[in-house]
Amino acid sequence: MMLKVGVISDTHIRNLAQGARLAEKLCAGCFAEVTTILHAGDVGLPEFLDLFGEREVHAVRGNMDAPTAGVPIKKVLTLGGFRIGLVHGWGSPFQLEERLRREFQGLSLDCLVYGHSHLPACRRVGDLLLFNPGSATDVNGHESVCVEIKLGKGEEEKKALVIERLIKSKIELKKGVELTTMITRI
């Protein structure tokens, strides 16, 4: 069975009308078939996280978010057999990934999802996939994106972590585990 997970970050929602429009667009588009959503922080209004219907939403607090009950600074999830670290980030984009890897040092992660820089990124460091979906509502002029991760395992298909990206590329995550990336414009 394939588990589809939507990934979003840096929405900076300022009012619920703006949030409702974005959530509706995502749910009708690239998040139409997702069952779980990961938000990598700088949500804006925390009520935005309630606008995704029955989908399970996991979020972390960004540097621009007020403290909110149930929204930690970082967390680790297991989805489809993959351990995923979720954190926003802080400070300069210079060496951001190094700082974030240190935050999860000693934990066995398959993927580290982060935000903060507003710049989409998808690369491997050893066995760890580092992934930033970029900003869904970028205020700095970068391209807006949304991402869908597909997690699945079965006899007929390889255990796979798939991230939808504009330019497809394949990376071997572990022996017999393939990663395909593709970011979708919204």
Foldseek 3Di string as FASTA:
>chain_A
DKAKEKEAEQAQDADVVSLLVLLVVCCVPVCVPHQEYEYQENPNDPCSQVNNPNHHYAYAYDPPDDDDPRHHQKDWDQDLNFIEIGHEFDDDPVCGVVVVCVVCPPPDGQEYEYEHPLDFDWDDDVLYTYTYLGHQNDPVPDFHWMWMWMAYPDDVAFGETEIAACDWDWDANDVRYIYIHHIDGD
